[in-house]
All heavy atoms as atom14 arrays in JSON, in Angstrom:
{
  "sequence": "LGASADIIEAAHEKLKKQFPGIRFVGRRDGYFTDKEDGEVVAA",
  "atom14_mask": [
    [1, 1, 1, 1, 1, 1, 1, 1, 0, 0, 0, 0, 0, 0],
    [1, 1, 1, 1, 0, 0, 0, 0, 0, 0, 0, 0, 0, 0],
    [1, 1, 1, 1, 1, 0, 0, 0, 0, 0, 0, 0, 0, 0],
    [1, 1, 1, 1, 1, 1, 0, 0, 0, 0, 0, 0, 0, 0],
    [1, 1, 1, 1, 1, 0, 0, 0, 0, 0, 0, 0, 0, 0],
    [1, 1, 1, 1, 1, 1, 1, 1, 0, 0, 0, 0, 0, 0],
    [1, 1, 1, 1, 1, 1, 1, 1, 0, 0, 0, 0, 0, 0],
    [1, 1, 1, 1, 1, 1, 1, 1, 0, 0, 0, 0, 0, 0],
    [1, 1, 1, 1, 1, 1, 1, 1, 1, 0, 0, 0, 0, 0],
    [1, 1, 1, 1, 1, 0, 0, 0, 0, 0, 0, 0, 0, 0],
    [1, 1, 1, 1, 1, 0, 0, 0, 0, 0, 0, 0, 0, 0],
    [1, 1, 1, 1, 1, 1, 1, 1, 1, 1, 0, 0, 0, 0],
    [1, 1, 1, 1, 1, 1, 1, 1, 1, 0, 0, 0, 0, 0],
    [1, 1, 1, 1, 1, 1, 1, 1, 1, 0, 0, 0, 0, 0],
    [1, 1, 1, 1, 1, 1, 1, 1, 0, 0, 0, 0, 0, 0],
    [1, 1, 1, 1, 1, 1, 1, 1, 1, 0, 0, 0, 0, 0],
    [1, 1, 1, 1, 1, 1, 1, 1, 1, 0, 0, 0, 0, 0],
    [1, 1, 1, 1, 1, 1, 1, 1, 1, 0, 0, 0, 0, 0],
    [1, 1, 1, 1, 1, 1, 1, 1, 1, 1, 1, 0, 0, 0],
    [1, 1, 1, 1, 1, 1, 1, 0, 0, 0, 0, 0, 0, 0],
    [1, 1, 1, 1, 0, 0, 0, 0, 0, 0, 0, 0, 0, 0],
    [1, 1, 1, 1, 1, 1, 1, 1, 0, 0, 0, 0, 0, 0],
    [1, 1, 1, 1, 1, 1, 1, 1, 1, 1, 1, 0, 0, 0],
    [1, 1, 1, 1, 1, 1, 1, 1, 1, 1, 1, 0, 0, 0],
    [1, 1, 1, 1, 1, 1, 1, 0, 0, 0, 0, 0, 0, 0],
    [1, 1, 1, 1, 0, 0, 0, 0, 0, 0, 0, 0, 0, 0],
    [1, 1, 1, 1, 1, 1, 1, 1, 1, 1, 1, 0, 0, 0],
    [1, 1, 1, 1, 1, 1, 1, 1, 1, 1, 1, 0, 0, 0],
    [1, 1, 1, 1, 1, 1, 1, 1, 0, 0, 0, 0, 0, 0],
    [1, 1, 1, 1, 0, 0, 0, 0, 0, 0, 0, 0, 0, 0],
    [1, 1, 1, 1, 1, 1, 1, 1, 1, 1, 1, 1, 0, 0],
    [1, 1, 1, 1, 1, 1, 1, 1, 1, 1, 1, 0, 0, 0],
    [1, 1, 1, 1, 1, 1, 1, 0, 0, 0, 0, 0, 0, 0],
    [1, 1, 1, 1, 1, 1, 1, 1, 0, 0, 0, 0, 0, 0],
    [1, 1, 1, 1, 1, 1, 1, 1, 1, 0, 0, 0, 0, 0],
    [1, 1, 1, 1, 1, 1, 1, 1, 1, 0, 0, 0, 0, 0],
    [1, 1, 1, 1, 1, 1, 1, 1, 0, 0, 0, 0, 0, 0],
    [1, 1, 1, 1, 0, 0, 0, 0, 0, 0, 0, 0, 0, 0],
    [1, 1, 1, 1, 1, 1, 1, 1, 1, 0, 0, 0, 0, 0],
    [1, 1, 1, 1, 1, 1, 1, 0, 0, 0, 0, 0, 0, 0],
    [1, 1, 1, 1, 1, 1, 1, 0, 0, 0, 0, 0, 0, 0],
    [1, 1, 1, 1, 1, 0, 0, 0, 0, 0, 0, 0, 0, 0],
    [1, 1, 1, 1, 1, 0, 0, 0, 0, 0, 0, 0, 0, 0]
  ],
  "atom14_positions": [
    [[109.45, 96.75, -63.65], [108.25, 96.13, -64.2], [107.01, 96.82, -63.65], [106.84, 96.93, -62.43], [108.22, 94.64, -63.83], [106.99, 93.84, -64.26], [106.92, 93.71, -65.78], [107.0, 92.45, -63.62], [0.0, 0.0, 0.0], [0.0, 0.0, 0.0], [0.0, 0.0, 0.0], [0.0, 0.0, 0.0], [0.0, 0.0, 0.0], [0.0, 0.0, 0.0]],
    [[106.15, 97.31, -64.54], [104.9, 97.86, -64.08], [104.58, 99.23, -64.64], [105.32, 99.77, -65.45], [0.0, 0.0, 0.0], [0.0, 0.0, 0.0], [0.0, 0.0, 0.0], [0.0, 0.0, 0.0], [0.0, 0.0, 0.0], [0.0, 0.0, 0.0], [0.0, 0.0, 0.0], [0.0, 0.0, 0.0], [0.0, 0.0, 0.0], [0.0, 0.0, 0.0]],
    [[103.44, 99.77, -64.19], [102.92, 101.06, -64.66], [102.6, 101.0, -66.15], [102.64, 99.93, -66.78], [103.9, 102.19, -64.35], [0.0, 0.0, 0.0], [0.0, 0.0, 0.0], [0.0, 0.0, 0.0], [0.0, 0.0, 0.0], [0.0, 0.0, 0.0], [0.0, 0.0, 0.0], [0.0, 0.0, 0.0], [0.0, 0.0, 0.0], [0.0, 0.0, 0.0]],
    [[102.3, 102.13, -66.75], [101.99, 102.18, -68.19], [103.29, 102.28, -68.98], [104.36, 102.57, -68.42], [101.1, 103.38, -68.5], [101.78, 104.6, -68.19], [0.0, 0.0, 0.0], [0.0, 0.0, 0.0], [0.0, 0.0, 0.0], [0.0, 0.0, 0.0], [0.0, 0.0, 0.0], [0.0, 0.0, 0.0], [0.0, 0.0, 0.0], [0.0, 0.0, 0.0]],
    [[103.2, 102.09, -70.29], [104.4, 102.09, -71.13], [105.13, 103.43, -71.08], [106.36, 103.47, -70.97], [104.01, 101.76, -72.58], [0.0, 0.0, 0.0], [0.0, 0.0, 0.0], [0.0, 0.0, 0.0], [0.0, 0.0, 0.0], [0.0, 0.0, 0.0], [0.0, 0.0, 0.0], [0.0, 0.0, 0.0], [0.0, 0.0, 0.0], [0.0, 0.0, 0.0]],
    [[104.39, 104.53, -71.11], [105.05, 105.84, -71.09], [105.65, 106.14, -69.72], [106.74, 106.72, -69.62], [104.08, 106.95, -71.51], [102.85, 107.02, -70.61], [102.42, 105.97, -70.11], [102.33, 108.13, -70.4], [0.0, 0.0, 0.0], [0.0, 0.0, 0.0], [0.0, 0.0, 0.0], [0.0, 0.0, 0.0], [0.0, 0.0, 0.0], [0.0, 0.0, 0.0]],
    [[104.97, 105.71, -68.66], [105.49, 105.94, -67.3], [106.77, 105.14, -67.07], [107.75, 105.67, -66.53], [104.43, 105.56, -66.25], [103.25, 106.52, -66.29], [105.06, 105.54, -64.85], [103.59, 107.95, -65.94], [0.0, 0.0, 0.0], [0.0, 0.0, 0.0], [0.0, 0.0, 0.0], [0.0, 0.0, 0.0], [0.0, 0.0, 0.0], [0.0, 0.0, 0.0]],
    [[106.78, 103.88, -67.46], [107.96, 103.05, -67.2], [109.15, 103.55, -68.01], [110.3, 103.5, -67.55], [107.67, 101.55, -67.49], [108.71, 100.66, -66.81], [107.63, 101.25, -68.96], [108.64, 100.67, -65.32], [0.0, 0.0, 0.0], [0.0, 0.0, 0.0], [0.0, 0.0, 0.0], [0.0, 0.0, 0.0], [0.0, 0.0, 0.0], [0.0, 0.0, 0.0]],
    [[108.91, 104.04, -69.21], [110.01, 104.58, -70.02], [110.59, 105.85, -69.39], [111.8, 106.02, -69.3], [109.51, 104.89, -71.44], [109.26, 103.66, -72.29], [110.51, 102.81, -72.51], [111.61, 103.39, -72.6], [110.39, 101.58, -72.57], [0.0, 0.0, 0.0], [0.0, 0.0, 0.0], [0.0, 0.0, 0.0], [0.0, 0.0, 0.0], [0.0, 0.0, 0.0]],
    [[109.7, 106.73, -68.92], [110.15, 107.97, -68.29], [110.89, 107.69, -66.99], [111.93, 108.29, -66.69], [108.96, 108.88, -68.04], [0.0, 0.0, 0.0], [0.0, 0.0, 0.0], [0.0, 0.0, 0.0], [0.0, 0.0, 0.0], [0.0, 0.0, 0.0], [0.0, 0.0, 0.0], [0.0, 0.0, 0.0], [0.0, 0.0, 0.0], [0.0, 0.0, 0.0]],
    [[110.34, 106.75, -66.2], [110.98, 106.39, -64.94], [112.35, 105.78, -65.19], [113.33, 106.07, -64.48], [110.1, 105.42, -64.16], [0.0, 0.0, 0.0], [0.0, 0.0, 0.0], [0.0, 0.0, 0.0], [0.0, 0.0, 0.0], [0.0, 0.0, 0.0], [0.0, 0.0, 0.0], [0.0, 0.0, 0.0], [0.0, 0.0, 0.0], [0.0, 0.0, 0.0]],
    [[112.43, 104.93, -66.2], [113.7, 104.29, -66.55], [114.76, 105.33, -66.9], [115.9, 105.27, -66.43], [113.47, 103.32, -67.72], [114.72, 102.73, -68.28], [115.19, 103.04, -69.52], [115.62, 101.87, -67.74], [116.31, 102.38, -69.75], [116.59, 101.67, -68.69], [0.0, 0.0, 0.0], [0.0, 0.0, 0.0], [0.0, 0.0, 0.0], [0.0, 0.0, 0.0]],
    [[114.39, 106.3, -67.73], [115.34, 107.33, -68.14], [115.83, 108.15, -66.95], [117.02, 108.47, -66.84], [114.71, 108.24, -69.19], [114.52, 107.59, -70.55], [115.82, 107.06, -71.13], [116.84, 107.79, -71.07], [115.84, 105.92, -71.61], [0.0, 0.0, 0.0], [0.0, 0.0, 0.0], [0.0, 0.0, 0.0], [0.0, 0.0, 0.0], [0.0, 0.0, 0.0]],
    [[114.92, 108.49, -66.05], [115.3, 109.31, -64.91], [116.17, 108.53, -63.92], [117.13, 109.07, -63.36], [114.05, 109.86, -64.22], [113.3, 110.88, -65.07], [112.4, 111.77, -64.26], [111.82, 112.88, -65.12], [111.01, 113.85, -64.37], [0.0, 0.0, 0.0], [0.0, 0.0, 0.0], [0.0, 0.0, 0.0], [0.0, 0.0, 0.0], [0.0, 0.0, 0.0]],
    [[115.84, 107.28, -63.69], [116.64, 106.47, -62.77], [118.03, 106.19, -63.33], [119.01, 106.13, -62.59], [115.91, 105.16, -62.44], [114.66, 105.3, -61.56], [113.94, 103.97, -61.42], [115.02, 105.86, -60.18], [0.0, 0.0, 0.0], [0.0, 0.0, 0.0], [0.0, 0.0, 0.0], [0.0, 0.0, 0.0], [0.0, 0.0, 0.0], [0.0, 0.0, 0.0]],
    [[118.11, 106.02, -64.64], [119.42, 105.83, -65.27], [120.33, 107.02, -65.03], [121.53, 106.87, -64.77], [119.28, 105.6, -66.78], [119.04, 104.17, -67.2], [119.4, 103.92, -68.65], [118.85, 104.93, -69.61], [119.23, 104.63, -71.01], [0.0, 0.0, 0.0], [0.0, 0.0, 0.0], [0.0, 0.0, 0.0], [0.0, 0.0, 0.0], [0.0, 0.0, 0.0]],
    [[119.76, 108.22, -65.13], [120.55, 109.43, -64.92], [120.91, 109.62, -63.44], [122.0, 110.07, -63.1], [119.78, 110.65, -65.42], [119.62, 110.69, -66.93], [118.8, 111.9, -67.37], [118.63, 111.92, -68.88], [117.79, 113.08, -69.32], [0.0, 0.0, 0.0], [0.0, 0.0, 0.0], [0.0, 0.0, 0.0], [0.0, 0.0, 0.0], [0.0, 0.0, 0.0]],
    [[119.97, 109.25, -62.58], [120.18, 109.43, -61.15], [121.16, 108.41, -60.58], [121.92, 108.71, -59.65], [118.84, 109.34, -60.41], [118.93, 109.71, -58.93], [117.56, 109.74, -58.28], [116.53, 109.57, -58.93], [117.54, 109.98, -56.98], [0.0, 0.0, 0.0], [0.0, 0.0, 0.0], [0.0, 0.0, 0.0], [0.0, 0.0, 0.0], [0.0, 0.0, 0.0]],
    [[121.13, 107.19, -61.15], [121.99, 106.11, -60.65], [122.78, 105.5, -61.8], [122.52, 104.36, -62.23], [121.15, 105.03, -59.95], [120.32, 105.55, -58.81], [118.97, 105.81, -58.96], [120.9, 105.8, -57.57], [118.2, 106.29, -57.91], [120.15, 106.29, -56.51], [118.8, 106.54, -56.68], [0.0, 0.0, 0.0], [0.0, 0.0, 0.0], [0.0, 0.0, 0.0]],
    [[123.76, 106.23, -62.33], [124.52, 105.74, -63.49], [125.33, 104.47, -63.22], [125.71, 103.77, -64.16], [125.44, 106.92, -63.83], [125.55, 107.69, -62.55], [124.21, 107.56, -61.9], [0.0, 0.0, 0.0], [0.0, 0.0, 0.0], [0.0, 0.0, 0.0], [0.0, 0.0, 0.0], [0.0, 0.0, 0.0], [0.0, 0.0, 0.0], [0.0, 0.0, 0.0]],
    [[125.56, 104.18, -61.94], [126.32, 102.98, -61.61], [125.5, 101.71, -61.62], [126.04, 100.6, -61.51], [0.0, 0.0, 0.0], [0.0, 0.0, 0.0], [0.0, 0.0, 0.0], [0.0, 0.0, 0.0], [0.0, 0.0, 0.0], [0.0, 0.0, 0.0], [0.0, 0.0, 0.0], [0.0, 0.0, 0.0], [0.0, 0.0, 0.0], [0.0, 0.0, 0.0]],
    [[124.19, 101.84, -61.75], [123.3, 100.68, -61.8], [123.15, 100.22, -63.24], [122.98, 101.03, -64.16], [121.9, 101.02, -61.23], [121.98, 101.26, -59.72], [120.9, 99.9, -61.53], [122.21, 100.03, -58.89], [0.0, 0.0, 0.0], [0.0, 0.0, 0.0], [0.0, 0.0, 0.0], [0.0, 0.0, 0.0], [0.0, 0.0, 0.0], [0.0, 0.0, 0.0]],
    [[123.19, 98.93, -63.45], [122.94, 98.36, -64.78], [121.45, 98.04, -64.88], [120.98, 97.08, -64.27], [123.79, 97.11, -65.0], [125.27, 97.37, -65.07], [126.08, 96.09, -65.25], [126.03, 95.22, -64.08], [125.45, 94.03, -64.03], [124.85, 93.54, -65.11], [125.44, 93.33, -62.92], [0.0, 0.0, 0.0], [0.0, 0.0, 0.0], [0.0, 0.0, 0.0]],
    [[120.71, 98.84, -65.62], [119.28, 98.58, -65.82], [119.15, 97.6, -66.98], [119.33, 97.96, -68.14], [118.54, 99.88, -66.08], [118.42, 100.74, -64.86], [119.36, 101.74, -64.6], [117.41, 100.53, -63.94], [119.28, 102.53, -63.46], [117.31, 101.31, -62.79], [118.25, 102.31, -62.55], [0.0, 0.0, 0.0], [0.0, 0.0, 0.0], [0.0, 0.0, 0.0]],
    [[118.86, 96.35, -66.63], [118.92, 95.26, -67.62], [117.58, 94.95, -68.29], [117.51, 94.04, -69.13], [119.48, 93.99, -66.96], [120.94, 94.2, -66.58], [118.66, 93.59, -65.73], [0.0, 0.0, 0.0], [0.0, 0.0, 0.0], [0.0, 0.0, 0.0], [0.0, 0.0, 0.0], [0.0, 0.0, 0.0], [0.0, 0.0, 0.0], [0.0, 0.0, 0.0]],
    [[116.54, 95.68, -67.92], [115.26, 95.43, -68.59], [114.14, 96.23, -67.97], [114.23, 96.72, -66.84], [0.0, 0.0, 0.0], [0.0, 0.0, 0.0], [0.0, 0.0, 0.0], [0.0, 0.0, 0.0], [0.0, 0.0, 0.0], [0.0, 0.0, 0.0], [0.0, 0.0, 0.0], [0.0, 0.0, 0.0], [0.0, 0.0, 0.0], [0.0, 0.0, 0.0]],
    [[113.06, 96.38, -68.73], [111.87, 97.09, -68.25], [110.67, 96.65, -69.08], [110.81, 96.26, -70.24], [112.07, 98.6, -68.37], [112.27, 99.09, -69.8], [112.83, 100.49, -69.81], [113.03, 101.0, -71.17], [114.06, 100.69, -71.95], [115.01, 99.86, -71.5], [114.17, 101.21, -73.16], [0.0, 0.0, 0.0], [0.0, 0.0, 0.0], [0.0, 0.0, 0.0]],
    [[109.53, 96.7, -68.46], [108.29, 96.35, -69.16], [107.12, 96.96, -68.4], [107.13, 97.03, -67.18], [108.13, 94.83, -69.26], [106.78, 94.44, -69.89], [106.71, 93.01, -70.3], [105.41, 92.73, -70.9], [105.18, 91.77, -71.77], [106.17, 91.01, -72.17], [103.96, 91.58, -72.25], [0.0, 0.0, 0.0], [0.0, 0.0, 0.0], [0.0, 0.0, 0.0]],
    [[106.09, 97.38, -69.14], [104.92, 97.93, -68.46], [104.16, 96.81, -67.75], [104.39, 95.63, -67.99], [104.02, 98.67, -69.46], [103.36, 97.74, -70.46], [102.44, 97.01, -70.05], [103.76, 97.74, -71.64], [0.0, 0.0, 0.0], [0.0, 0.0, 0.0], [0.0, 0.0, 0.0], [0.0, 0.0, 0.0], [0.0, 0.0, 0.0], [0.0, 0.0, 0.0]],
    [[103.25, 97.2, -66.89], [102.54, 96.22, -66.08], [101.22, 95.76, -66.64], [100.47, 95.02, -65.99], [0.0, 0.0, 0.0], [0.0, 0.0, 0.0], [0.0, 0.0, 0.0], [0.0, 0.0, 0.0], [0.0, 0.0, 0.0], [0.0, 0.0, 0.0], [0.0, 0.0, 0.0], [0.0, 0.0, 0.0], [0.0, 0.0, 0.0], [0.0, 0.0, 0.0]],
    [[100.91, 96.16, -67.88], [99.64, 95.8, -68.48], [99.78, 94.55, -69.33], [99.79, 94.6, -70.56], [99.1, 96.98, -69.3], [98.68, 98.14, -68.43], [99.6, 99.11, -68.06], [97.38, 98.23, -67.94], [99.22, 100.17, -67.23], [96.99, 99.29, -67.12], [97.93, 100.24, -66.77], [97.55, 101.28, -65.94], [0.0, 0.0, 0.0], [0.0, 0.0, 0.0]],
    [[99.91, 93.43, -68.64], [99.97, 92.15, -69.34], [98.99, 91.18, -68.69], [98.64, 91.32, -67.52], [101.39, 91.58, -69.34], [102.03, 91.49, -67.98], [101.86, 90.37, -67.17], [102.83, 92.53, -67.5], [102.46, 90.28, -65.92], [103.44, 92.46, -66.25], [103.25, 91.34, -65.46], [0.0, 0.0, 0.0], [0.0, 0.0, 0.0], [0.0, 0.0, 0.0]],
    [[98.55, 90.21, -69.46], [97.54, 89.26, -68.98], [98.22, 88.04, -68.35], [99.43, 87.85, -68.46], [96.66, 88.78, -70.14], [97.47, 88.04, -71.08], [96.03, 89.98, -70.88], [0.0, 0.0, 0.0], [0.0, 0.0, 0.0], [0.0, 0.0, 0.0], [0.0, 0.0, 0.0], [0.0, 0.0, 0.0], [0.0, 0.0, 0.0], [0.0, 0.0, 0.0]],
    [[97.4, 87.22, -67.7], [97.92, 86.0, -67.09], [98.58, 85.1, -68.14], [99.57, 84.42, -67.85], [96.78, 85.22, -66.42], [96.21, 85.96, -65.22], [96.85, 86.93, -64.77], [95.13, 85.57, -64.73], [0.0, 0.0, 0.0], [0.0, 0.0, 0.0], [0.0, 0.0, 0.0], [0.0, 0.0, 0.0], [0.0, 0.0, 0.0], [0.0, 0.0, 0.0]],
    [[98.04, 85.12, -69.36], [98.6, 84.29, -70.42], [100.01, 84.74, -70.81], [100.78, 83.96, -71.39], [97.69, 84.31, -71.65], [96.34, 83.63, -71.43], [95.5, 83.67, -72.69], [94.16, 82.97, -72.48], [93.31, 83.0, -73.71], [0.0, 0.0, 0.0], [0.0, 0.0, 0.0], [0.0, 0.0, 0.0], [0.0, 0.0, 0.0], [0.0, 0.0, 0.0]],
    [[100.33, 85.99, -70.53], [101.64, 86.52, -70.88], [102.66, 86.4, -69.74], [103.82, 86.79, -69.89], [101.51, 88.0, -71.28], [100.69, 88.24, -72.53], [100.47, 89.72, -72.79], [99.72, 90.35, -72.02], [101.07, 90.25, -73.75], [0.0, 0.0, 0.0], [0.0, 0.0, 0.0], [0.0, 0.0, 0.0], [0.0, 0.0, 0.0], [0.0, 0.0, 0.0]],
    [[102.22, 85.86, -68.6], [103.11, 85.74, -67.45], [104.4, 84.98, -67.79], [105.49, 85.38, -67.39], [102.4, 85.02, -66.3], [101.48, 85.94, -65.52], [101.46, 87.15, -65.81], [100.77, 85.43, -64.63], [0.0, 0.0, 0.0], [0.0, 0.0, 0.0], [0.0, 0.0, 0.0], [0.0, 0.0, 0.0], [0.0, 0.0, 0.0], [0.0, 0.0, 0.0]],
    [[104.24, 83.89, -68.53], [105.41, 83.07, -68.87], [106.45, 83.86, -69.65], [107.65, 83.76, -69.39], [0.0, 0.0, 0.0], [0.0, 0.0, 0.0], [0.0, 0.0, 0.0], [0.0, 0.0, 0.0], [0.0, 0.0, 0.0], [0.0, 0.0, 0.0], [0.0, 0.0, 0.0], [0.0, 0.0, 0.0], [0.0, 0.0, 0.0], [0.0, 0.0, 0.0]],
    [[105.97, 84.67, -70.57], [106.86, 85.51, -71.38], [107.58, 86.54, -70.52], [108.79, 86.77, -70.67], [106.03, 86.21, -72.46], [106.78, 87.23, -73.3], [105.84, 88.04, -74.18], [104.79, 87.5, -74.59], [106.17, 89.21, -74.46], [0.0, 0.0, 0.0], [0.0, 0.0, 0.0], [0.0, 0.0, 0.0], [0.0, 0.0, 0.0], [0.0, 0.0, 0.0]],
    [[106.84, 87.15, -69.59], [107.41, 88.17, -68.71], [108.45, 87.54, -67.79], [109.56, 88.07, -67.62], [106.3, 88.84, -67.87], [106.9, 89.81, -66.86], [105.33, 89.58, -68.78], [0.0, 0.0, 0.0], [0.0, 0.0, 0.0], [0.0, 0.0, 0.0], [0.0, 0.0, 0.0], [0.0, 0.0, 0.0], [0.0, 0.0, 0.0], [0.0, 0.0, 0.0]],
    [[108.1, 86.42, -67.19], [109.02, 85.73, -66.28], [110.29, 85.3, -67.02], [111.41, 85.46, -66.5], [108.34, 84.51, -65.64], [109.35, 83.64, -64.89], [107.24, 84.96, -64.69], [0.0, 0.0, 0.0], [0.0, 0.0, 0.0], [0.0, 0.0, 0.0], [0.0, 0.0, 0.0], [0.0, 0.0, 0.0], [0.0, 0.0, 0.0], [0.0, 0.0, 0.0]],
    [[110.13, 84.79, -68.23], [111.29, 84.35, -69.01], [112.24, 85.51, -69.31], [113.47, 85.37, -69.24], [110.82, 83.7, -70.32], [0.0, 0.0, 0.0], [0.0, 0.0, 0.0], [0.0, 0.0, 0.0], [0.0, 0.0, 0.0], [0.0, 0.0, 0.0], [0.0, 0.0, 0.0], [0.0, 0.0, 0.0], [0.0, 0.0, 0.0], [0.0, 0.0, 0.0]],
    [[111.67, 86.67, -69.61], [112.49, 87.85, -69.91], [113.28, 88.29, -68.68], [114.46, 88.67, -68.78], [111.61, 88.99, -70.4], [0.0, 0.0, 0.0], [0.0, 0.0, 0.0], [0.0, 0.0, 0.0], [0.0, 0.0, 0.0], [0.0, 0.0, 0.0], [0.0, 0.0, 0.0], [0.0, 0.0, 0.0], [0.0, 0.0, 0.0], [0.0, 0.0, 0.0]]
  ]
}
């Protein structure tokens, strides 16, 4: 969770390759408002 959309996508892809045994179950950029906190927490 965090950084910009392009950064989190790139980081996700690289970490998946580096740690194939980890189950990456979700990702989201960090540019969300307080009103969106509930949605982020629920995910």
